[in-house]
């Protein structure tokens, strides 16, 4: 065969090479992060109340994301007739250091990593780990508010304290509500028997939270939900994979039937990204050992890739208009 038969350079196909997020370049120098988006893992699951295993989430999502390794050419959406991610520079900065059983130290390391990303001007995309990692992510935004939280989750995660625990995966939205720069929350997908009680729900509503179940969202429709979310503000999006139905996301520690389908979530998140500035994203609770098909990790990677695309498309439209 002639040498022209072979493509010059390395193909870097999804099943070869290093499993960084989307097969994007790495950056180990956190004082020199130069990118539009910085992906960081937070492999901590000592905050779980039942099944552990979410500490393996970042690794599994990285591997799944190689399926969507578009390189620098962008990703065309036939449905939207938009070329997403074109020219968006994404870097994988690795994981925050975890100290097993030491919640305080592990959370401090996560907060440090997010602060470094914010100092660089990049969009932080953090992958847990259990949902307790949201608390240090939110703390890292101190002095950068105000900010409205959009939560996709089966559970309210608004427990104040139980058995002396204040920083488990049932507490993060309560801890977020205590930050002065959090102006409100929209909590979507809350359903079934939950760790939060009636008093927690009332307390969340009293501090400005809008709580909608999956059936509420279906009754209102995408636009009806978006109409309830403040416009033109900074948004922080936190996604617990158990917000999706376990028929498409079985790989999680606390599955809850009756959850969202893929497009129900993505259409809302797309509308949010077009309505205002998304300043941070976390996705938590993927526990790959409970899903031998790997579909939960693929779902998580696909959600993040598309969401990042929506965020930067929304920025571009606002700059043009």
C-alpha atoms as a PDB file:
ATOM      1  CA  UNK A   1       0.000   0.000   0.000  1.00  0.00           C
ATOM      2  CA  UNK A   2       1.149   3.551  -0.626  1.00  0.00           C
ATOM      3  CA  UNK A   3       1.728   5.865   2.320  1.00  0.00           C
ATOM      4  CA  UNK A   4      -1.294   7.892   1.189  1.00  0.00           C
ATOM      5  CA  UNK A   5      -3.473   4.972   2.278  1.00  0.00           C
ATOM      6  CA  UNK A   6      -2.809   5.889   5.883  1.00  0.00           C
ATOM      7  CA  UNK A   7      -4.006   9.077   7.480  1.00  0.00           C
ATOM      8  CA  UNK A   8      -1.083  11.142   8.654  1.00  0.00           C
ATOM      9  CA  UNK A   9      -0.692  11.616  12.381  1.00  0.00           C
ATOM     10  CA  UNK A  10      -2.429   9.740  15.186  1.00  0.00           C
ATOM     11  CA  UNK A  11      -6.120   9.029  14.773  1.00  0.00           C
ATOM     12  CA  UNK A  12      -6.755   9.254  18.533  1.00  0.00           C
ATOM     13  CA  UNK A  13      -9.953   7.227  18.208  1.00  0.00           C
ATOM     14  CA  UNK A  14     -12.197   6.865  21.274  1.00  0.00           C
ATOM     15  CA  UNK A  15     -10.884   3.422  22.239  1.00  0.00           C
ATOM     16  CA  UNK A  16      -7.180   4.335  22.260  1.00  0.00           C
ATOM     17  CA  UNK A  17      -5.065   6.776  24.235  1.00  0.00           C
ATOM     18  CA  UNK A  18      -5.728   8.473  27.563  1.00  0.00           C
ATOM     19  CA  UNK A  19      -9.241   8.829  28.984  1.00  0.00           C
ATOM     20  CA  UNK A  20      -9.390  12.532  29.680  1.00  0.00           C
ATOM     21  CA  UNK A  21     -12.775  14.229  29.499  1.00  0.00           C
ATOM     22  CA  UNK A  22     -13.698  14.263  25.816  1.00  0.00           C
ATOM     23  CA  UNK A  23     -10.062  13.330  25.092  1.00  0.00           C
ATOM     24  CA  UNK A  24      -9.147  16.949  25.674  1.00  0.00           C
ATOM     25  CA  UNK A  25      -5.707  18.018  26.830  1.00  0.00           C
ATOM     26  CA  UNK A  26      -4.652  17.873  30.459  1.00  0.00           C
ATOM     27  CA  UNK A  27      -3.393  20.632  32.725  1.00  0.00           C
ATOM     28  CA  UNK A  28      -1.613  19.621  35.924  1.00  0.00           C
ATOM     29  CA  UNK A  29      -0.486  23.161  36.764  1.00  0.00           C
ATOM     30  CA  UNK A  30      -3.506  24.647  38.498  1.00  0.00           C
ATOM     31  CA  UNK A  31      -1.844  28.057  38.562  1.00  0.00           C
ATOM     32  CA  UNK A  32      -1.715  28.047  34.773  1.00  0.00           C
ATOM     33  CA  UNK A  33      -5.166  26.946  33.612  1.00  0.00           C
ATOM     34  CA  UNK A  34      -5.795  28.504  30.220  1.00  0.00           C
ATOM     35  CA  UNK A  35      -9.079  27.288  28.766  1.00  0.00           C
ATOM     36  CA  UNK A  36     -12.751  28.091  28.372  1.00  0.00           C
ATOM     37  CA  UNK A  37     -13.815  25.057  30.413  1.00  0.00           C
ATOM     38  CA  UNK A  38     -11.947  23.161  33.145  1.00  0.00           C
ATOM     39  CA  UNK A  39     -13.153  19.662  34.049  1.00  0.00           C
ATOM     40  CA  UNK A  40     -12.247  18.390  37.524  1.00  0.00           C
ATOM     41  CA  UNK A  41     -13.105  15.140  39.253  1.00  0.00           C
ATOM     42  CA  UNK A  42     -14.183  15.018  42.895  1.00  0.00           C
ATOM     43  CA  UNK A  43     -14.078  11.273  43.660  1.00  0.00           C
ATOM     44  CA  UNK A  44     -15.516  11.453  47.179  1.00  0.00           C
ATOM     45  CA  UNK A  45     -18.377   9.258  48.382  1.00  0.00           C
ATOM     46  CA  UNK A  46     -18.010   9.226  52.160  1.00  0.00           C
ATOM     47  CA  UNK A  47     -21.170  11.335  52.313  1.00  0.00           C
ATOM     48  CA  UNK A  48     -23.431   8.505  51.140  1.00  0.00           C
ATOM     49  CA  UNK A  49     -26.120   7.096  53.413  1.00  0.00           C
ATOM     50  CA  UNK A  50     -26.621   3.788  51.630  1.00  0.00           C
ATOM     51  CA  UNK A  51     -24.711   2.436  48.630  1.00  0.00           C
ATOM     52  CA  UNK A  52     -21.193   3.740  48.051  1.00  0.00           C
ATOM     53  CA  UNK A  53     -19.315   3.687  44.742  1.00  0.00           C
ATOM     54  CA  UNK A  54     -19.726   7.215  43.376  1.00  0.00           C
ATOM     55  CA  UNK A  55     -16.017   7.767  43.972  1.00  0.00           C
ATOM     56  CA  UNK A  56     -15.542   5.875  40.715  1.00  0.00           C
ATOM     57  CA  UNK A  57     -17.832   8.276  38.844  1.00  0.00           C
ATOM     58  CA  UNK A  58     -15.204  10.681  37.459  1.00  0.00           C
ATOM     59  CA  UNK A  59     -13.126   7.850  36.024  1.00  0.00           C
ATOM     60  CA  UNK A  60     -16.115   6.151  34.386  1.00  0.00           C
ATOM     61  CA  UNK A  61     -17.490   9.412  32.966  1.00  0.00           C
ATOM     62  CA  UNK A  62     -14.108  10.291  31.501  1.00  0.00           C
ATOM     63  CA  UNK A  63     -13.996   6.913  29.765  1.00  0.00           C
ATOM     64  CA  UNK A  64     -17.577   7.259  28.499  1.00  0.00           C
ATOM     65  CA  UNK A  65     -16.865  10.782  27.257  1.00  0.00           C
ATOM     66  CA  UNK A  66     -14.319   9.484  24.764  1.00  0.00           C
ATOM     67  CA  UNK A  67     -17.339   8.507  22.674  1.00  0.00           C
ATOM     68  CA  UNK A  68     -17.968  12.239  22.239  1.00  0.00           C
ATOM     69  CA  UNK A  69     -14.366  13.273  21.556  1.00  0.00           C
ATOM     70  CA  UNK A  70     -15.051  15.714  18.777  1.00  0.00           C
ATOM     71  CA  UNK A  71     -11.669  17.408  18.860  1.00  0.00           C
ATOM     72  CA  UNK A  72     -11.686  21.064  17.788  1.00  0.00           C
ATOM     73  CA  UNK A  73     -14.188  20.720  14.964  1.00  0.00           C
ATOM     74  CA  UNK A  74     -17.284  21.098  17.107  1.00  0.00           C
ATOM     75  CA  UNK A  75     -20.388  18.950  17.166  1.00  0.00           C
ATOM     76  CA  UNK A  76     -23.300  19.515  14.816  1.00  0.00           C
ATOM     77  CA  UNK A  77     -26.857  19.143  16.138  1.00  0.00           C
ATOM     78  CA  UNK A  78     -29.340  18.295  13.412  1.00  0.00           C
ATOM     79  CA  UNK A  79     -32.230  19.015  15.776  1.00  0.00           C
ATOM     80  CA  UNK A  80     -31.061  22.565  16.523  1.00  0.00           C
ATOM     81  CA  UNK A  81     -29.123  23.182  13.292  1.00  0.00           C
ATOM     82  CA  UNK A  82     -26.274  24.490  15.453  1.00  0.00           C
ATOM     83  CA  UNK A  83     -22.580  23.620  15.510  1.00  0.00           C
ATOM     84  CA  UNK A  84     -21.917  23.307  19.225  1.00  0.00           C
ATOM     85  CA  UNK A  85     -18.518  23.407  20.955  1.00  0.00           C
ATOM     86  CA  UNK A  86     -16.837  24.927  17.926  1.00  0.00           C
ATOM     87  CA  UNK A  87     -13.720  26.700  19.183  1.00  0.00           C
ATOM     88  CA  UNK A  88     -14.501  25.927  22.844  1.00  0.00           C
ATOM     89  CA  UNK A  89     -11.246  25.018  24.602  1.00  0.00           C
ATOM     90  CA  UNK A  90     -11.799  22.324  27.250  1.00  0.00           C
ATOM     91  CA  UNK A  91      -9.066  21.126  29.584  1.00  0.00           C
ATOM     92  CA  UNK A  92      -9.053  18.256  32.101  1.00  0.00           C
ATOM     93  CA  UNK A  93      -7.199  19.282  35.277  1.00  0.00           C
ATOM     94  CA  UNK A  94      -7.471  15.870  36.946  1.00  0.00           C
ATOM     95  CA  UNK A  95      -8.990  15.228  40.355  1.00  0.00           C
ATOM     96  CA  UNK A  96      -9.017  17.063  43.637  1.00  0.00           C
ATOM     97  CA  UNK A  97      -7.072  15.057  46.224  1.00  0.00           C
ATOM     98  CA  UNK A  98      -9.293  12.918  48.424  1.00  0.00           C
ATOM     99  CA  UNK A  99      -8.383  11.768  51.917  1.00  0.00           C
ATOM    100  CA  UNK A 100     -10.490   8.707  52.697  1.00  0.00           C
ATOM    101  CA  UNK A 101     -12.937   9.227  55.598  1.00  0.00           C
ATOM    102  CA  UNK A 102     -11.820  12.866  56.016  1.00  0.00           C
ATOM    103  CA  UNK A 103     -14.742  14.925  54.745  1.00  0.00           C
ATOM    104  CA  UNK A 104     -13.356  18.289  55.880  1.00  0.00           C
ATOM    105  CA  UNK A 105     -10.009  17.872  54.134  1.00  0.00           C
ATOM    106  CA  UNK A 106     -11.476  16.329  50.986  1.00  0.00           C
ATOM    107  CA  UNK A 107     -14.072  19.095  50.663  1.00  0.00           C
ATOM    108  CA  UNK A 108     -11.388  21.731  51.243  1.00  0.00           C
ATOM    109  CA  UNK A 109      -9.377  20.264  48.369  1.00  0.00           C
ATOM    110  CA  UNK A 110     -12.433  20.370  46.096  1.00  0.00           C
ATOM    111  CA  UNK A 111     -13.096  24.004  47.037  1.00  0.00           C
ATOM    112  CA  UNK A 112      -9.457  24.847  46.310  1.00  0.00           C
ATOM    113  CA  UNK A 113      -9.670  23.301  42.847  1.00  0.00           C
ATOM    114  CA  UNK A 114     -12.853  25.177  41.976  1.00  0.00           C
ATOM    115  CA  UNK A 115     -11.338  28.444  43.191  1.00  0.00           C
ATOM    116  CA  UNK A 116      -8.326  27.871  40.945  1.00  0.00           C
ATOM    117  CA  UNK A 117     -10.605  27.301  37.970  1.00  0.00           C
ATOM    118  CA  UNK A 118     -12.577  30.455  38.726  1.00  0.00           C
ATOM    119  CA  UNK A 119      -9.390  32.500  39.117  1.00  0.00           C
ATOM    120  CA  UNK A 120      -8.363  31.356  35.630  1.00  0.00           C
ATOM    121  CA  UNK A 121     -11.627  32.572  34.124  1.00  0.00           C
ATOM    122  CA  UNK A 122     -12.678  29.103  32.959  1.00  0.00           C
ATOM    123  CA  UNK A 123     -16.093  27.519  33.497  1.00  0.00           C
ATOM    124  CA  UNK A 124     -15.786  24.894  36.257  1.00  0.00           C
ATOM    125  CA  UNK A 125     -17.343  21.520  35.419  1.00  0.00           C
ATOM    126  CA  UNK A 126     -17.016  19.277  38.461  1.00  0.00           C
ATOM    127  CA  UNK A 127     -17.898  15.583  38.534  1.00  0.00           C
ATOM    128  CA  UNK A 128     -18.446  13.644  41.761  1.00  0.00           C
ATOM    129  CA  UNK A 129     -18.536  11.679  43.794  1.00  0.00           C
ATOM    130  CA  UNK A 130     -21.634  11.911  45.913  1.00  0.00           C
ATOM    131  CA  UNK A 131     -23.722  15.066  46.040  1.00  0.00           C
ATOM    132  CA  UNK A 132     -21.990  16.337  49.169  1.00  0.00           C
ATOM    133  CA  UNK A 133     -19.260  17.669  46.864  1.00  0.00           C
ATOM    134  CA  UNK A 134     -21.678  20.403  45.812  1.00  0.00           C
ATOM    135  CA  UNK A 135     -21.128  22.169  49.148  1.00  0.00           C
ATOM    136  CA  UNK A 136     -17.442  22.996  48.591  1.00  0.00           C
ATOM    137  CA  UNK A 137     -18.167  23.840  44.943  1.00  0.00           C
ATOM    138  CA  UNK A 138     -20.686  26.458  46.049  1.00  0.00           C
ATOM    139  CA  UNK A 139     -18.391  27.831  48.775  1.00  0.00           C
ATOM    140  CA  UNK A 140     -15.745  28.485  46.134  1.00  0.00           C
ATOM    141  CA  UNK A 141     -18.035  31.135  44.615  1.00  0.00           C
ATOM    142  CA  UNK A 142     -17.917  33.337  47.713  1.00  0.00           C
ATOM    143  CA  UNK A 143     -17.472  36.913  46.555  1.00  0.00           C
ATOM    144  CA  UNK A 144     -18.652  36.063  43.037  1.00  0.00           C
ATOM    145  CA  UNK A 145     -22.423  36.218  43.559  1.00  0.00           C
ATOM    146  CA  UNK A 146     -25.283  36.646  43.297  1.00  0.00           C
ATOM    147  CA  UNK A 147     -26.185  33.237  41.913  1.00  0.00           C
ATOM    148  CA  UNK A 148     -29.331  31.128  41.373  1.00  0.00           C
ATOM    149  CA  UNK A 149     -29.080  27.335  41.685  1.00  0.00           C
ATOM    150  CA  UNK A 150     -30.779  24.985  39.229  1.00  0.00           C
ATOM    151  CA  UNK A 151     -30.969  21.472  40.703  1.00  0.00           C
ATOM    152  CA  UNK A 152     -31.919  18.245  38.901  1.00  0.00           C
ATOM    153  CA  UNK A 153     -32.469  15.579  41.539  1.00  0.00           C
ATOM    154  CA  UNK A 154     -34.850  12.992  42.935  1.00  0.00           C
ATOM    155  CA  UNK A 155     -34.175  14.328  46.429  1.00  0.00           C
ATOM    156  CA  UNK A 156     -34.369  17.799  47.940  1.00  0.00           C
ATOM    157  CA  UNK A 157     -31.001  17.441  49.755  1.00  0.00           C
ATOM    158  CA  UNK A 158     -32.148  20.066  52.264  1.00  0.00           C
ATOM    159  CA  UNK A 159     -31.529  18.231  55.554  1.00  0.00           C
ATOM    160  CA  UNK A 160     -29.967  20.539  58.137  1.00  0.00           C
ATOM    161  CA  UNK A 161     -28.398  17.974  60.454  1.00  0.00           C
ATOM    162  CA  UNK A 162     -29.019  14.317  61.156  1.00  0.00           C
ATOM    163  CA  UNK A 163     -26.952  12.099  63.473  1.00  0.00           C
ATOM    164  CA  UNK A 164     -24.520  15.013  63.681  1.00  0.00           C
ATOM    165  CA  UNK A 165     -23.950  14.988  59.921  1.00  0.00           C
ATOM    166  CA  UNK A 166     -24.093  18.388  58.201  1.00  0.00           C
ATOM    167  CA  UNK A 167     -22.024  17.723  55.073  1.00  0.00           C
ATOM    168  CA  UNK A 168     -23.390  14.453  53.712  1.00  0.00           C
ATOM    169  CA  UNK A 169     -25.142  14.010  50.394  1.00  0.00           C
ATOM    170  CA  UNK A 170     -28.492  14.902  51.966  1.00  0.00           C
ATOM    171  CA  UNK A 171     -27.307  18.355  53.100  1.00  0.00           C
ATOM    172  CA  UNK A 172     -25.776  20.325  50.201  1.00  0.00           C
ATOM    173  CA  UNK A 173     -28.727  22.479  49.145  1.00  0.00           C
ATOM    174  CA  UNK A 174     -29.387  23.448  52.779  1.00  0.00           C
ATOM    175  CA  UNK A 175     -25.738  24.487  53.082  1.00  0.00           C
ATOM    176  CA  UNK A 176     -26.014  26.406  49.815  1.00  0.00           C
ATOM    177  CA  UNK A 177     -29.095  28.274  51.055  1.00  0.00           C
ATOM    178  CA  UNK A 178     -27.025  29.597  53.961  1.00  0.00           C
ATOM    179  CA  UNK A 179     -24.666  31.441  51.616  1.00  0.00           C
ATOM    180  CA  UNK A 180     -25.575  35.121  51.243  1.00  0.00           C
ATOM    181  CA  UNK A 181     -24.758  35.130  47.529  1.00  0.00           C
ATOM    182  CA  UNK A 182     -27.348  32.428  46.733  1.00  0.00           C
ATOM    183  CA  UNK A 183     -30.471  34.328  45.728  1.00  0.00           C
ATOM    184  CA  UNK A 184     -32.751  31.348  45.163  1.00  0.00           C
ATOM    185  CA  UNK A 185     -33.074  27.800  43.917  1.00  0.00           C
ATOM    186  CA  UNK A 186     -35.144  25.884  41.384  1.00  0.00           C
ATOM    187  CA  UNK A 187     -35.288  22.228  42.446  1.00  0.00           C
ATOM    188  CA  UNK A 188     -36.616  19.894  39.758  1.00  0.00           C
ATOM    189  CA  UNK A 189     -37.493  16.200  39.883  1.00  0.00           C
ATOM    190  CA  UNK A 190     -38.158  15.875  43.617  1.00  0.00           C
ATOM    191  CA  UNK A 191     -40.260  12.759  44.197  1.00  0.00           C
ATOM    192  CA  UNK A 192     -41.097   9.659  46.228  1.00  0.00           C
ATOM    193  CA  UNK A 193     -39.859   8.961  49.745  1.00  0.00           C
ATOM    194  CA  UNK A 194     -36.989  11.331  50.412  1.00  0.00           C
ATOM    195  CA  UNK A 195     -34.411  12.088  53.084  1.00  0.00           C
ATOM    196  CA  UNK A 196     -35.945  15.540  53.563  1.00  0.00           C
ATOM    197  CA  UNK A 197     -39.156  15.925  55.576  1.00  0.00           C
ATOM    198  CA  UNK A 198     -42.078  18.342  55.315  1.00  0.00           C
ATOM    199  CA  UNK A 199     -40.324  20.920  57.492  1.00  0.00           C
ATOM    200  CA  UNK A 200     -37.294  20.858  55.174  1.00  0.00           C
ATOM    201  CA  UNK A 201     -39.526  21.489  52.162  1.00  0.00           C
ATOM    202  CA  UNK A 202     -41.251  24.399  53.905  1.00  0.00           C
ATOM    203  CA  UNK A 203     -37.890  25.843  54.946  1.00  0.00           C
ATOM    204  CA  UNK A 204     -36.599  25.583  51.364  1.00  0.00           C
ATOM    205  CA  UNK A 205     -39.659  27.408  50.072  1.00  0.00           C
ATOM    206  CA  UNK A 206     -39.287  30.089  52.744  1.00  0.00           C
ATOM    207  CA  UNK A 207     -35.772  30.951  51.519  1.00  0.00           C
ATOM    208  CA  UNK A 208     -36.898  31.291  47.923  1.00  0.00           C
ATOM    209  CA  UNK A 209     -36.852  27.793  46.467  1.00  0.00           C
ATOM    210  CA  UNK A 210     -39.230  26.650  43.738  1.00  0.00           C
ATOM    211  CA  UNK A 211     -39.766  22.889  44.115  1.00  0.00           C
ATOM    212  CA  UNK A 212     -41.236  20.867  41.244  1.00  0.00           C
ATOM    213  CA  UNK A 213     -41.715  17.132  41.002  1.00  0.00           C
ATOM    214  CA  UNK A 214     -41.317  15.222  37.751  1.00  0.00           C
ATOM    215  CA  UNK A 215     -45.099  15.267  37.331  1.00  0.00           C
ATOM    216  CA  UNK A 216     -45.151  19.018  37.990  1.00  0.00           C
ATOM    217  CA  UNK A 217     -42.577  19.529  35.237  1.00  0.00           C
ATOM    218  CA  UNK A 218     -44.579  17.389  32.818  1.00  0.00           C
ATOM    219  CA  UNK A 219     -47.760  19.234  33.647  1.00  0.00           C
ATOM    220  CA  UNK A 220     -46.138  22.647  33.143  1.00  0.00           C
ATOM    221  CA  UNK A 221     -44.055  21.723  30.105  1.00  0.00           C
ATOM    222  CA  UNK A 222     -40.595  23.077  29.379  1.00  0.00           C
ATOM    223  CA  UNK A 223     -41.687  26.662  28.812  1.00  0.00           C
ATOM    224  CA  UNK A 224     -43.870  26.641  31.907  1.00  0.00           C
ATOM    225  CA  UNK A 225     -40.882  25.592  34.004  1.00  0.00           C
ATOM    226  CA  UNK A 226     -38.617  28.198  32.394  1.00  0.00           C
ATOM    227  CA  UNK A 227     -41.212  30.879  33.129  1.00  0.00           C
ATOM    228  CA  UNK A 228     -40.717  30.190  36.860  1.00  0.00           C
ATOM    229  CA  UNK A 229     -36.928  30.642  36.713  1.00  0.00           C
ATOM    230  CA  UNK A 230     -35.460  34.166  37.080  1.00  0.00           C
ATOM    231  CA  UNK A 231     -34.011  35.549  33.838  1.00  0.00           C
ATOM    232  CA  UNK A 232     -30.772  37.358  33.184  1.00  0.00           C
ATOM    233  CA  UNK A 233     -29.039  36.128  36.320  1.00  0.00           C
ATOM    234  CA  UNK A 234     -26.049  33.901  36.965  1.00  0.00           C
ATOM    235  CA  UNK A 235     -26.939  30.213  37.254  1.00  0.00           C
ATOM    236  CA  UNK A 236     -25.166  27.342  38.935  1.00  0.00           C
ATOM    237  CA  UNK A 237     -26.398  23.953  37.694  1.00  0.00           C
ATOM    238  CA  UNK A 238     -26.132  20.900  39.932  1.00  0.00           C
ATOM    239  CA  UNK A 239     -27.224  17.536  38.552  1.00  0.00           C
ATOM    240  CA  UNK A 240     -27.729  14.384  40.584  1.00  0.00           C
ATOM    241  CA  UNK A 241     -27.910  11.517  38.099  1.00  0.00           C
ATOM    242  CA  UNK A 242     -30.778   9.999  40.121  1.00  0.00           C
ATOM    243  CA  UNK A 243     -32.927  12.844  38.819  1.00  0.00           C
ATOM    244  CA  UNK A 244     -33.161  10.668  35.714  1.00  0.00           C
ATOM    245  CA  UNK A 245     -35.283   7.525  35.776  1.00  0.00           C
ATOM    246  CA  UNK A 246     -33.338   4.389  36.760  1.00  0.00           C
ATOM    247  CA  UNK A 247     -34.439   2.786  33.486  1.00  0.00           C
ATOM    248  CA  UNK A 248     -31.807   4.995  31.808  1.00  0.00           C
ATOM    249  CA  UNK A 249     -29.596   5.704  34.844  1.00  0.00           C
ATOM    250  CA  UNK A 250     -29.392   2.579  37.022  1.00  0.00           C
ATOM    251  CA  UNK A 251     -25.790   3.245  38.059  1.00  0.00           C
ATOM    252  CA  UNK A 252     -26.400   5.309  41.167  1.00  0.00           C
ATOM    253  CA  UNK A 253     -26.528   4.768  44.901  1.00  0.00           C
ATOM    254  CA  UNK A 254     -30.098   5.974  45.515  1.00  0.00           C
ATOM    255  CA  UNK A 255     -32.244   5.216  42.435  1.00  0.00           C
ATOM    256  CA  UNK A 256     -35.796   6.562  42.469  1.00  0.00           C
ATOM    257  CA  UNK A 257     -38.393   5.380  39.971  1.00  0.00           C
ATOM    258  CA  UNK A 258     -40.581   7.853  38.129  1.00  0.00           C
ATOM    259  CA  UNK A 259     -37.661  10.047  37.060  1.00  0.00           C
ATOM    260  CA  UNK A 260     -36.932  12.260  34.082  1.00  0.00           C
ATOM    261  CA  UNK A 261     -36.231  11.164  30.550  1.00  0.00           C
ATOM    262  CA  UNK A 262     -33.221  12.601  28.758  1.00  0.00           C
ATOM    263  CA  UNK A 263     -34.982  15.319  26.744  1.00  0.00           C
ATOM    264  CA  UNK A 264     -37.112  16.493  29.666  1.00  0.00           C
ATOM    265  CA  UNK A 265     -33.920  17.538  31.437  1.00  0.00           C
ATOM    266  CA  UNK A 266     -31.965  18.758  28.446  1.00  0.00           C
ATOM    267  CA  UNK A 267     -34.711  21.035  27.106  1.00  0.00           C
ATOM    268  CA  UNK A 268     -34.926  22.789  30.480  1.00  0.00           C
ATOM    269  CA  UNK A 269     -31.142  23.103  30.758  1.00  0.00           C
ATOM    270  CA  UNK A 270     -30.930  24.412  27.218  1.00  0.00           C
ATOM    271  CA  UNK A 271     -33.517  27.060  28.073  1.00  0.00           C
ATOM    272  CA  UNK A 272     -31.584  28.019  31.205  1.00  0.00           C
ATOM    273  CA  UNK A 273     -28.349  28.390  29.227  1.00  0.00           C
ATOM    274  CA  UNK A 274     -30.116  30.704  26.786  1.00  0.00           C
ATOM    275  CA  UNK A 275     -31.712  32.753  29.607  1.00  0.00           C
ATOM    276  CA  UNK A 276     -28.581  33.821  31.486  1.00  0.00           C
ATOM    277  CA  UNK A 277     -24.984  33.083  32.348  1.00  0.00           C
ATOM    278  CA  UNK A 278     -24.152  29.596  33.614  1.00  0.00           C
ATOM    279  CA  UNK A 279     -21.124  30.091  35.880  1.00  0.00           C
ATOM    280  CA  UNK A 280     -20.660  26.577  37.234  1.00  0.00           C
ATOM    281  CA  UNK A 281     -21.765  22.975  36.765  1.00  0.00           C
ATOM    282  CA  UNK A 282     -21.496  19.834  38.841  1.00  0.00           C
ATOM    283  CA  UNK A 283     -22.803  16.339  38.141  1.00  0.00           C
ATOM    284  CA  UNK A 284     -22.837  13.753  40.904  1.00  0.00           C
ATOM    285  CA  UNK A 285     -23.820  10.292  42.115  1.00  0.00           C
ATOM    286  CA  UNK A 286     -22.770   8.156  39.133  1.00  0.00           C
ATOM    287  CA  UNK A 287     -21.766   4.818  40.689  1.00  0.00           C
ATOM    288  CA  UNK A 288     -20.709   2.715  37.703  1.00  0.00           C
ATOM    289  CA  UNK A 289     -20.492  -0.648  39.484  1.00  0.00           C
ATOM    290  CA  UNK A 290     -24.311  -0.802  39.656  1.00  0.00           C
ATOM    291  CA  UNK A 291     -24.616  -0.552  35.858  1.00  0.00           C
ATOM    292  CA  UNK A 292     -22.687  -3.176  33.943  1.00  0.00           C
ATOM    293  CA  UNK A 293     -23.887  -1.724  30.613  1.00  0.00           C
ATOM    294  CA  UNK A 294     -22.120   1.578  31.242  1.00  0.00           C
ATOM    295  CA  UNK A 295     -25.165   3.504  30.019  1.00  0.00           C
ATOM    296  CA  UNK A 296     -25.333   5.710  33.132  1.00  0.00           C
ATOM    297  CA  UNK A 297     -21.802   6.967  32.547  1.00  0.00           C
ATOM    298  CA  UNK A 298     -22.549   7.545  28.864  1.00  0.00           C
ATOM    299  CA  UNK A 299     -25.670   9.490  29.851  1.00  0.00           C
ATOM    300  CA  UNK A 300     -23.654  11.650  32.253  1.00  0.00           C
ATOM    301  CA  UNK A 301     -20.976  12.371  29.659  1.00  0.00           C
ATOM    302  CA  UNK A 302     -23.582  13.187  27.021  1.00  0.00           C
ATOM    303  CA  UNK A 303     -25.453  15.505  29.381  1.00  0.00           C
ATOM    304  CA  UNK A 304     -22.255  17.396  30.179  1.00  0.00           C
ATOM    305  CA  UNK A 305     -21.058  17.661  26.577  1.00  0.00           C
ATOM    306  CA  UNK A 306     -24.407  18.980  25.400  1.00  0.00           C
ATOM    307  CA  UNK A 307     -24.809  21.297  28.381  1.00  0.00           C
ATOM    308  CA  UNK A 308     -21.379  22.840  27.800  1.00  0.00           C
ATOM    309  CA  UNK A 309     -22.385  23.324  24.176  1.00  0.00           C
ATOM    310  CA  UNK A 310     -25.602  25.080  25.226  1.00  0.00           C
ATOM    311  CA  UNK A 311     -23.738  27.347  27.653  1.00  0.00           C
ATOM    312  CA  UNK A 312     -21.286  28.650  25.074  1.00  0.00           C
ATOM    313  CA  UNK A 313     -23.930  28.919  22.365  1.00  0.00           C
ATOM    314  CA  UNK A 314     -26.019  31.007  24.765  1.00  0.00           C
ATOM    315  CA  UNK A 315     -23.027  33.258  25.455  1.00  0.00           C
ATOM    316  CA  UNK A 316     -22.455  33.720  21.750  1.00  0.00           C
ATOM    317  CA  UNK A 317     -26.064  34.672  21.125  1.00  0.00           C
ATOM    318  CA  UNK A 318     -26.061  37.208  23.962  1.00  0.00           C
ATOM    319  CA  UNK A 319     -22.858  38.764  22.656  1.00  0.00           C
ATOM    320  CA  UNK A 320     -24.397  39.064  19.199  1.00  0.00           C
ATOM    321  CA  UNK A 321     -27.675  40.463  20.423  1.00  0.00           C
END
